[in-house]
């Protein structure tokens, strides 16, 4: 349920922050970053499990990365629209 709500929210936020003229470029770059994480995250977690014998270290590192991303998301400045200046 949460992942389904994330999609429309992220699209709306990108449109608000960057406007329609940059929307396609921003969507492309952000999708690239998301897909890299989705591709490399399981490989990293499996690699850590092979080295340390369980998934705890790998998942802890990935959770820390997600936490840092959430903090950056919350710390982002609000977009300024031309009609609000």
PDB file of N, CA and C in Angstrom:
ATOM      1  N   UNK A   1       0.831  -1.196   0.000  1.00  0.00           N
ATOM      2  CA  UNK A   1       0.000   0.000   0.000  1.00  0.00           C
ATOM      3  C   UNK A   1       0.873   1.256   0.000  1.00  0.00           C
ATOM      4  N   UNK A   2       1.910   1.271   0.830  1.00  0.00           N
ATOM      5  CA  UNK A   2       2.758   2.466   0.915  1.00  0.00           C
ATOM      6  C   UNK A   2       3.498   2.714  -0.391  1.00  0.00           C
ATOM      7  N   UNK A   3       3.969   1.649  -1.053  1.00  0.00           N
ATOM      8  CA  UNK A   3       4.687   1.833  -2.314  1.00  0.00           C
ATOM      9  C   UNK A   3       3.736   2.361  -3.382  1.00  0.00           C
ATOM     10  N   UNK A   4       2.491   1.942  -3.368  1.00  0.00           N
ATOM     11  CA  UNK A   4       1.510   2.440  -4.326  1.00  0.00           C
ATOM     12  C   UNK A   4       1.196   3.915  -4.124  1.00  0.00           C
ATOM     13  N   UNK A   5       1.235   4.379  -2.896  1.00  0.00           N
ATOM     14  CA  UNK A   5       0.999   5.796  -2.618  1.00  0.00           C
ATOM     15  C   UNK A   5       2.231   6.634  -2.930  1.00  0.00           C
ATOM     16  N   UNK A   6       3.412   6.023  -2.893  1.00  0.00           N
ATOM     17  CA  UNK A   6       4.654   6.739  -3.132  1.00  0.00           C
ATOM     18  C   UNK A   6       4.751   7.253  -4.559  1.00  0.00           C
ATOM     19  N   UNK A   7       4.318   6.458  -5.522  1.00  0.00           N
ATOM     20  CA  UNK A   7       4.445   6.823  -6.933  1.00  0.00           C
ATOM     21  C   UNK A   7       3.796   8.157  -7.284  1.00  0.00           C
ATOM     22  N   UNK A   8       2.489   8.304  -7.067  1.00  0.00           N
ATOM     23  CA  UNK A   8       1.851   9.585  -7.382  1.00  0.00           C
ATOM     24  C   UNK A   8       2.404  10.755  -6.573  1.00  0.00           C
ATOM     25  N   UNK A   9       2.782  10.500  -5.325  1.00  0.00           N
ATOM     26  CA  UNK A   9       3.350  11.563  -4.494  1.00  0.00           C
ATOM     27  C   UNK A   9       4.667  12.060  -5.074  1.00  0.00           C
ATOM     28  N   UNK A  10       5.553  11.147  -5.457  1.00  0.00           N
ATOM     29  CA  UNK A  10       6.857  11.550  -5.989  1.00  0.00           C
ATOM     30  C   UNK A  10       6.709  12.275  -7.324  1.00  0.00           C
ATOM     31  N   UNK A  11       5.793  11.841  -8.159  1.00  0.00           N
ATOM     32  CA  UNK A  11       5.570  12.519  -9.440  1.00  0.00           C
ATOM     33  C   UNK A  11       5.076  13.941  -9.199  1.00  0.00           C
ATOM     34  N   UNK A  12       4.142  14.106  -8.273  1.00  0.00           N
ATOM     35  CA  UNK A  12       3.617  15.433  -7.960  1.00  0.00           C
ATOM     36  C   UNK A  12       4.698  16.333  -7.373  1.00  0.00           C
ATOM     37  N   UNK A  13       5.506  15.799  -6.466  1.00  0.00           N
ATOM     38  CA  UNK A  13       6.581  16.601  -5.871  1.00  0.00           C
ATOM     39  C   UNK A  13       7.602  17.034  -6.912  1.00  0.00           C
ATOM     40  N   UNK A  14       7.968  16.141  -7.815  1.00  0.00           N
ATOM     41  CA  UNK A  14       8.928  16.511  -8.862  1.00  0.00           C
ATOM     42  C   UNK A  14       8.355  17.600  -9.753  1.00  0.00           C
ATOM     43  N   UNK A  15       7.086  17.502 -10.077  1.00  0.00           N
ATOM     44  CA  UNK A  15       6.456  18.530 -10.907  1.00  0.00           C
ATOM     45  C   UNK A  15       6.435  19.871 -10.177  1.00  0.00           C
ATOM     46  N   UNK A  16       6.142  19.867  -8.879  1.00  0.00           N
ATOM     47  CA  UNK A  16       6.123  21.110  -8.100  1.00  0.00           C
ATOM     48  C   UNK A  16       7.510  21.723  -7.964  1.00  0.00           C
ATOM     49  N   UNK A  17       8.504  20.901  -7.723  1.00  0.00           N
ATOM     50  CA  UNK A  17       9.858  21.408  -7.501  1.00  0.00           C
ATOM     51  C   UNK A  17      10.523  21.900  -8.780  1.00  0.00           C
ATOM     52  N   UNK A  18      10.335  21.193  -9.881  1.00  0.00           N
ATOM     53  CA  UNK A  18      11.130  21.474 -11.073  1.00  0.00           C
ATOM     54  C   UNK A  18      10.336  22.017 -12.248  1.00  0.00           C
ATOM     55  N   UNK A  19       9.017  21.988 -12.184  1.00  0.00           N
ATOM     56  CA  UNK A  19       8.191  22.540 -13.247  1.00  0.00           C
ATOM     57  C   UNK A  19       8.080  21.622 -14.451  1.00  0.00           C
ATOM     58  N   UNK A  20       7.145  21.951 -15.332  1.00  0.00           N
ATOM     59  CA  UNK A  20       6.886  21.071 -16.473  1.00  0.00           C
ATOM     60  C   UNK A  20       8.012  21.018 -17.500  1.00  0.00           C
ATOM     61  N   UNK A  21       8.801  22.077 -17.620  1.00  0.00           N
ATOM     62  CA  UNK A  21       9.845  22.086 -18.649  1.00  0.00           C
ATOM     63  C   UNK A  21      10.982  21.120 -18.322  1.00  0.00           C
ATOM     64  N   UNK A  22      11.214  20.838 -17.059  1.00  0.00           N
ATOM     65  CA  UNK A  22      12.298  19.934 -16.651  1.00  0.00           C
ATOM     66  C   UNK A  22      11.794  18.579 -16.186  1.00  0.00           C
ATOM     67  N   UNK A  23      10.498  18.369 -16.239  1.00  0.00           N
ATOM     68  CA  UNK A  23       9.901  17.177 -15.637  1.00  0.00           C
ATOM     69  C   UNK A  23      10.438  15.876 -16.234  1.00  0.00           C
ATOM     70  N   UNK A  24      10.533  15.786 -17.544  1.00  0.00           N
ATOM     71  CA  UNK A  24      11.000  14.561 -18.187  1.00  0.00           C
ATOM     72  C   UNK A  24      12.432  14.218 -17.817  1.00  0.00           C
ATOM     73  N   UNK A  25      13.291  15.222 -17.800  1.00  0.00           N
ATOM     74  CA  UNK A  25      14.694  15.001 -17.442  1.00  0.00           C
ATOM     75  C   UNK A  25      14.812  14.556 -15.992  1.00  0.00           C
ATOM     76  N   UNK A  26      14.092  15.206 -15.109  1.00  0.00           N
ATOM     77  CA  UNK A  26      14.132  14.854 -13.688  1.00  0.00           C
ATOM     78  C   UNK A  26      13.592  13.447 -13.471  1.00  0.00           C
ATOM     79  N   UNK A  27      12.508  13.088 -14.143  1.00  0.00           N
ATOM     80  CA  UNK A  27      11.956  11.737 -14.018  1.00  0.00           C
ATOM     81  C   UNK A  27      12.963  10.700 -14.499  1.00  0.00           C
ATOM     82  N   UNK A  28      13.654  10.989 -15.594  1.00  0.00           N
ATOM     83  CA  UNK A  28      14.642  10.049 -16.114  1.00  0.00           C
ATOM     84  C   UNK A  28      15.786   9.820 -15.151  1.00  0.00           C
ATOM     85  N   UNK A  29      16.350  10.907 -14.622  1.00  0.00           N
ATOM     86  CA  UNK A  29      17.471  10.764 -13.689  1.00  0.00           C
ATOM     87  C   UNK A  29      17.041  10.114 -12.378  1.00  0.00           C
ATOM     88  N   UNK A  30      15.879  10.494 -11.861  1.00  0.00           N
ATOM     89  CA  UNK A  30      15.448   9.901 -10.598  1.00  0.00           C
ATOM     90  C   UNK A  30      15.102   8.423 -10.778  1.00  0.00           C
ATOM     91  N   UNK A  31      14.541   8.061 -11.922  1.00  0.00           N
ATOM     92  CA  UNK A  31      14.262   6.647 -12.180  1.00  0.00           C
ATOM     93  C   UNK A  31      15.551   5.850 -12.294  1.00  0.00           C
ATOM     94  N   UNK A  32      16.576   6.437 -12.888  1.00  0.00           N
ATOM     95  CA  UNK A  32      17.876   5.775 -12.980  1.00  0.00           C
ATOM     96  C   UNK A  32      18.430   5.482 -11.588  1.00  0.00           C
ATOM     97  N   UNK A  33      18.342   6.455 -10.702  1.00  0.00           N
ATOM     98  CA  UNK A  33      18.854   6.280  -9.341  1.00  0.00           C
ATOM     99  C   UNK A  33      18.061   5.204  -8.599  1.00  0.00           C
ATOM    100  N   UNK A  34      16.733   5.236  -8.734  1.00  0.00           N
ATOM    101  CA  UNK A  34      15.890   4.238  -8.067  1.00  0.00           C
ATOM    102  C   UNK A  34      16.201   2.842  -8.596  1.00  0.00           C
ATOM    103  N   UNK A  35      16.334   2.712  -9.908  1.00  0.00           N
ATOM    104  CA  UNK A  35      16.610   1.398 -10.494  1.00  0.00           C
ATOM    105  C   UNK A  35      17.995   0.880 -10.108  1.00  0.00           C
ATOM    106  N   UNK A  36      18.970   1.764  -9.987  1.00  0.00           N
ATOM    107  CA  UNK A  36      20.288   1.333  -9.509  1.00  0.00           C
ATOM    108  C   UNK A  36      20.188   0.768  -8.092  1.00  0.00           C
ATOM    109  N   UNK A  37      19.451   1.463  -7.243  1.00  0.00           N
ATOM    110  CA  UNK A  37      19.262   0.975  -5.878  1.00  0.00           C
ATOM    111  C   UNK A  37      18.518  -0.346  -5.830  1.00  0.00           C
ATOM    112  N   UNK A  38      17.491  -0.475  -6.664  1.00  0.00           N
ATOM    113  CA  UNK A  38      16.721  -1.716  -6.689  1.00  0.00           C
ATOM    114  C   UNK A  38      17.531  -2.873  -7.272  1.00  0.00           C
ATOM    115  N   UNK A  39      18.473  -2.568  -8.140  1.00  0.00           N
ATOM    116  CA  UNK A  39      19.310  -3.612  -8.735  1.00  0.00           C
ATOM    117  C   UNK A  39      20.488  -3.985  -7.842  1.00  0.00           C
ATOM    118  N   UNK A  40      21.131  -2.986  -7.270  1.00  0.00           N
ATOM    119  CA  UNK A  40      22.348  -3.234  -6.503  1.00  0.00           C
ATOM    120  C   UNK A  40      22.093  -3.566  -5.032  1.00  0.00           C
ATOM    121  N   UNK A  41      20.963  -3.137  -4.481  1.00  0.00           N
ATOM    122  CA  UNK A  41      20.657  -3.409  -3.074  1.00  0.00           C
ATOM    123  C   UNK A  41      20.624  -4.891  -2.737  1.00  0.00           C
ATOM    124  N   UNK A  42      19.878  -5.702  -3.483  1.00  0.00           N
ATOM    125  CA  UNK A  42      19.866  -7.139  -3.186  1.00  0.00           C
ATOM    126  C   UNK A  42      21.229  -7.808  -3.385  1.00  0.00           C
ATOM    127  N   UNK A  43      21.971  -7.353  -4.388  1.00  0.00           N
ATOM    128  CA  UNK A  43      23.312  -7.912  -4.606  1.00  0.00           C
ATOM    129  C   UNK A  43      24.210  -7.585  -3.417  1.00  0.00           C
ATOM    130  N   UNK A  44      24.136  -6.337  -2.948  1.00  0.00           N
ATOM    131  CA  UNK A  44      24.929  -5.927  -1.787  1.00  0.00           C
ATOM    132  C   UNK A  44      24.536  -6.727  -0.551  1.00  0.00           C
ATOM    133  N   UNK A  45      23.230  -6.865  -0.304  1.00  0.00           N
ATOM    134  CA  UNK A  45      22.772  -7.605   0.877  1.00  0.00           C
ATOM    135  C   UNK A  45      23.210  -9.065   0.804  1.00  0.00           C
ATOM    136  N   UNK A  46      23.130  -9.672  -0.365  1.00  0.00           N
ATOM    137  CA  UNK A  46      23.583 -11.054  -0.522  1.00  0.00           C
ATOM    138  C   UNK A  46      25.082 -11.193  -0.334  1.00  0.00           C
ATOM    139  N   UNK A  47      25.837 -10.237  -0.842  1.00  0.00           N
ATOM    140  CA  UNK A  47      27.289 -10.243  -0.674  1.00  0.00           C
ATOM    141  C   UNK A  47      27.658 -10.150   0.804  1.00  0.00           C
ATOM    142  N   UNK A  48      26.993  -9.266   1.524  1.00  0.00           N
ATOM    143  CA  UNK A  48      27.251  -9.137   2.959  1.00  0.00           C
ATOM    144  C   UNK A  48      26.848 -10.414   3.705  1.00  0.00           C
ATOM    145  N   UNK A  49      25.768 -11.055   3.267  1.00  0.00           N
ATOM    146  CA  UNK A  49      25.350 -12.309   3.897  1.00  0.00           C
ATOM    147  C   UNK A  49      26.380 -13.404   3.650  1.00  0.00           C
ATOM    148  N   UNK A  50      26.962 -13.425   2.463  1.00  0.00           N
ATOM    149  CA  UNK A  50      28.008 -14.414   2.179  1.00  0.00           C
ATOM    150  C   UNK A  50      29.240 -14.190   3.049  1.00  0.00           C
ATOM    151  N   UNK A  51      29.579 -12.938   3.292  1.00  0.00           N
ATOM    152  CA  UNK A  51      30.774 -12.630   4.085  1.00  0.00           C
ATOM    153  C   UNK A  51      30.530 -12.857   5.580  1.00  0.00           C
ATOM    154  N   UNK A  52      29.400 -12.341   6.103  1.00  0.00           N
ATOM    155  CA  UNK A  52      29.161 -12.346   7.548  1.00  0.00           C
ATOM    156  C   UNK A  52      28.229 -13.457   8.033  1.00  0.00           C
ATOM    157  N   UNK A  53      27.623 -14.200   7.123  1.00  0.00           N
ATOM    158  CA  UNK A  53      26.797 -15.327   7.531  1.00  0.00           C
ATOM    159  C   UNK A  53      25.330 -15.018   7.755  1.00  0.00           C
ATOM    160  N   UNK A  54      24.942 -13.759   7.757  1.00  0.00           N
ATOM    161  CA  UNK A  54      23.521 -13.408   7.831  1.00  0.00           C
ATOM    162  C   UNK A  54      23.290 -12.066   7.142  1.00  0.00           C
ATOM    163  N   UNK A  55      22.031 -11.698   7.054  1.00  0.00           N
ATOM    164  CA  UNK A  55      21.663 -10.488   6.315  1.00  0.00           C
ATOM    165  C   UNK A  55      21.631  -9.230   7.179  1.00  0.00           C
ATOM    166  N   UNK A  56      21.885  -9.353   8.458  1.00  0.00           N
ATOM    167  CA  UNK A  56      21.712  -8.214   9.364  1.00  0.00           C
ATOM    168  C   UNK A  56      22.596  -7.029   8.983  1.00  0.00           C
ATOM    169  N   UNK A  57      23.862  -7.245   8.689  1.00  0.00           N
ATOM    170  CA  UNK A  57      24.773  -6.135   8.344  1.00  0.00           C
ATOM    171  C   UNK A  57      24.308  -5.461   7.057  1.00  0.00           C
ATOM    172  N   UNK A  58      24.019  -6.255   6.045  1.00  0.00           N
ATOM    173  CA  UNK A  58      23.587  -5.689   4.763  1.00  0.00           C
ATOM    174  C   UNK A  58      22.308  -4.888   4.900  1.00  0.00           C
ATOM    175  N   UNK A  59      21.330  -5.443   5.611  1.00  0.00           N
ATOM    176  CA  UNK A  59      20.068  -4.726   5.783  1.00  0.00           C
ATOM    177  C   UNK A  59      20.240  -3.483   6.649  1.00  0.00           C
ATOM    178  N   UNK A  60      21.140  -3.535   7.625  1.00  0.00           N
ATOM    179  CA  UNK A  60      21.399  -2.361   8.461  1.00  0.00           C
ATOM    180  C   UNK A  60      21.994  -1.231   7.629  1.00  0.00           C
ATOM    181  N   UNK A  61      22.940  -1.565   6.757  1.00  0.00           N
ATOM    182  CA  UNK A  61      23.540  -0.545   5.884  1.00  0.00           C
ATOM    183  C   UNK A  61      22.489   0.026   4.941  1.00  0.00           C
ATOM    184  N   UNK A  62      21.668  -0.838   4.350  1.00  0.00           N
ATOM    185  CA  UNK A  62      20.625  -0.354   3.439  1.00  0.00           C
ATOM    186  C   UNK A  62      19.578   0.484   4.180  1.00  0.00           C
ATOM    187  N   UNK A  63      19.241   0.103   5.413  1.00  0.00           N
ATOM    188  CA  UNK A  63      18.304   0.900   6.210  1.00  0.00           C
ATOM    189  C   UNK A  63      18.896   2.266   6.537  1.00  0.00           C
ATOM    190  N   UNK A  64      20.194   2.311   6.821  1.00  0.00           N
ATOM    191  CA  UNK A  64      20.851   3.595   7.087  1.00  0.00           C
ATOM    192  C   UNK A  64      20.817   4.482   5.844  1.00  0.00           C
ATOM    193  N   UNK A  65      21.022   3.895   4.685  1.00  0.00           N
ATOM    194  CA  UNK A  65      20.939   4.670   3.433  1.00  0.00           C
ATOM    195  C   UNK A  65      19.522   5.212   3.231  1.00  0.00           C
ATOM    196  N   UNK A  66      18.513   4.381   3.502  1.00  0.00           N
ATOM    197  CA  UNK A  66      17.126   4.830   3.375  1.00  0.00           C
ATOM    198  C   UNK A  66      16.824   5.942   4.373  1.00  0.00           C
ATOM    199  N   UNK A  67      17.345   5.831   5.582  1.00  0.00           N
ATOM    200  CA  UNK A  67      17.141   6.866   6.593  1.00  0.00           C
ATOM    201  C   UNK A  67      17.767   8.183   6.152  1.00  0.00           C
ATOM    202  N   UNK A  68      18.985   8.115   5.623  1.00  0.00           N
ATOM    203  CA  UNK A  68      19.641   9.339   5.146  1.00  0.00           C
ATOM    204  C   UNK A  68      18.853   9.960   3.996  1.00  0.00           C
ATOM    205  N   UNK A  69      18.320   9.128   3.112  1.00  0.00           N
ATOM    206  CA  UNK A  69      17.494   9.639   2.027  1.00  0.00           C
ATOM    207  C   UNK A  69      16.228  10.301   2.544  1.00  0.00           C
ATOM    208  N   UNK A  70      15.618   9.707   3.563  1.00  0.00           N
ATOM    209  CA  UNK A  70      14.419  10.302   4.164  1.00  0.00           C
ATOM    210  C   UNK A  70      14.735  11.642   4.806  1.00  0.00           C
ATOM    211  N   UNK A  71      15.879  11.735   5.467  1.00  0.00           N
ATOM    212  CA  UNK A  71      16.282  12.994   6.082  1.00  0.00           C
ATOM    213  C   UNK A  71      16.481  14.072   5.014  1.00  0.00           C
ATOM    214  N   UNK A  72      17.137  13.712   3.913  1.00  0.00           N
ATOM    215  CA  UNK A  72      17.332  14.676   2.817  1.00  0.00           C
ATOM    216  C   UNK A  72      15.990  15.123   2.251  1.00  0.00           C
ATOM    217  N   UNK A  73      15.066  14.188   2.132  1.00  0.00           N
ATOM    218  CA  UNK A  73      13.728  14.504   1.635  1.00  0.00           C
ATOM    219  C   UNK A  73      13.030  15.496   2.560  1.00  0.00           C
ATOM    220  N   UNK A  74      13.111  15.264   3.851  1.00  0.00           N
ATOM    221  CA  UNK A  74      12.457  16.155   4.815  1.00  0.00           C
ATOM    222  C   UNK A  74      13.155  17.508   4.925  1.00  0.00           C
ATOM    223  N   UNK A  75      14.458  17.550   4.669  1.00  0.00           N
ATOM    224  CA  UNK A  75      15.218  18.792   4.783  1.00  0.00           C
ATOM    225  C   UNK A  75      15.141  19.659   3.526  1.00  0.00           C
ATOM    226  N   UNK A  76      14.558  19.149   2.465  1.00  0.00           N
ATOM    227  CA  UNK A  76      14.484  19.906   1.207  1.00  0.00           C
ATOM    228  C   UNK A  76      13.634  21.163   1.389  1.00  0.00           C
ATOM    229  N   UNK A  77      14.080  22.237   0.787  1.00  0.00           N
ATOM    230  CA  UNK A  77      13.332  23.500   0.856  1.00  0.00           C
ATOM    231  C   UNK A  77      12.068  23.396   0.011  1.00  0.00           C
ATOM    232  N   UNK A  78      11.074  24.130   0.399  1.00  0.00           N
ATOM    233  CA  UNK A  78       9.835  24.147  -0.385  1.00  0.00           C
ATOM    234  C   UNK A  78      10.076  24.847  -1.710  1.00  0.00           C
ATOM    235  N   UNK A  79       9.404  24.388  -2.765  1.00  0.00           N
ATOM    236  CA  UNK A  79       9.579  25.054  -4.061  1.00  0.00           C
ATOM    237  C   UNK A  79       8.953  26.441  -4.054  1.00  0.00           C
ATOM    238  N   UNK A  80       9.560  27.352  -4.780  1.00  0.00           N
ATOM    239  CA  UNK A  80       9.027  28.707  -4.918  1.00  0.00           C
ATOM    240  C   UNK A  80       8.431  28.819  -6.311  1.00  0.00           C
ATOM    241  N   UNK A  81       7.149  29.086  -6.371  1.00  0.00           N
ATOM    242  CA  UNK A  81       6.463  29.242  -7.644  1.00  0.00           C
ATOM    243  C   UNK A  81       6.479  30.715  -8.048  1.00  0.00           C
ATOM    244  N   UNK A  82       6.547  31.017  -9.333  1.00  0.00           N
ATOM    245  CA  UNK A  82       6.629  32.412  -9.785  1.00  0.00           C
ATOM    246  C   UNK A  82       5.487  33.288  -9.276  1.00  0.00           C
ATOM    247  N   UNK A  83       4.284  32.736  -9.144  1.00  0.00           N
ATOM    248  CA  UNK A  83       3.152  33.549  -8.696  1.00  0.00           C
ATOM    249  C   UNK A  83       3.130  33.742  -7.180  1.00  0.00           C
ATOM    250  N   UNK A  84       4.058  33.112  -6.438  1.00  0.00           N
ATOM    251  CA  UNK A  84       4.115  33.272  -4.986  1.00  0.00           C
ATOM    252  C   UNK A  84       5.140  34.307  -4.551  1.00  0.00           C
ATOM    253  N   UNK A  85       5.959  34.790  -5.464  1.00  0.00           N
ATOM    254  CA  UNK A  85       7.025  35.733  -5.088  1.00  0.00           C
ATOM    255  C   UNK A  85       6.502  37.103  -4.771  1.00  0.00           C
TER     256      UNK A  85
END
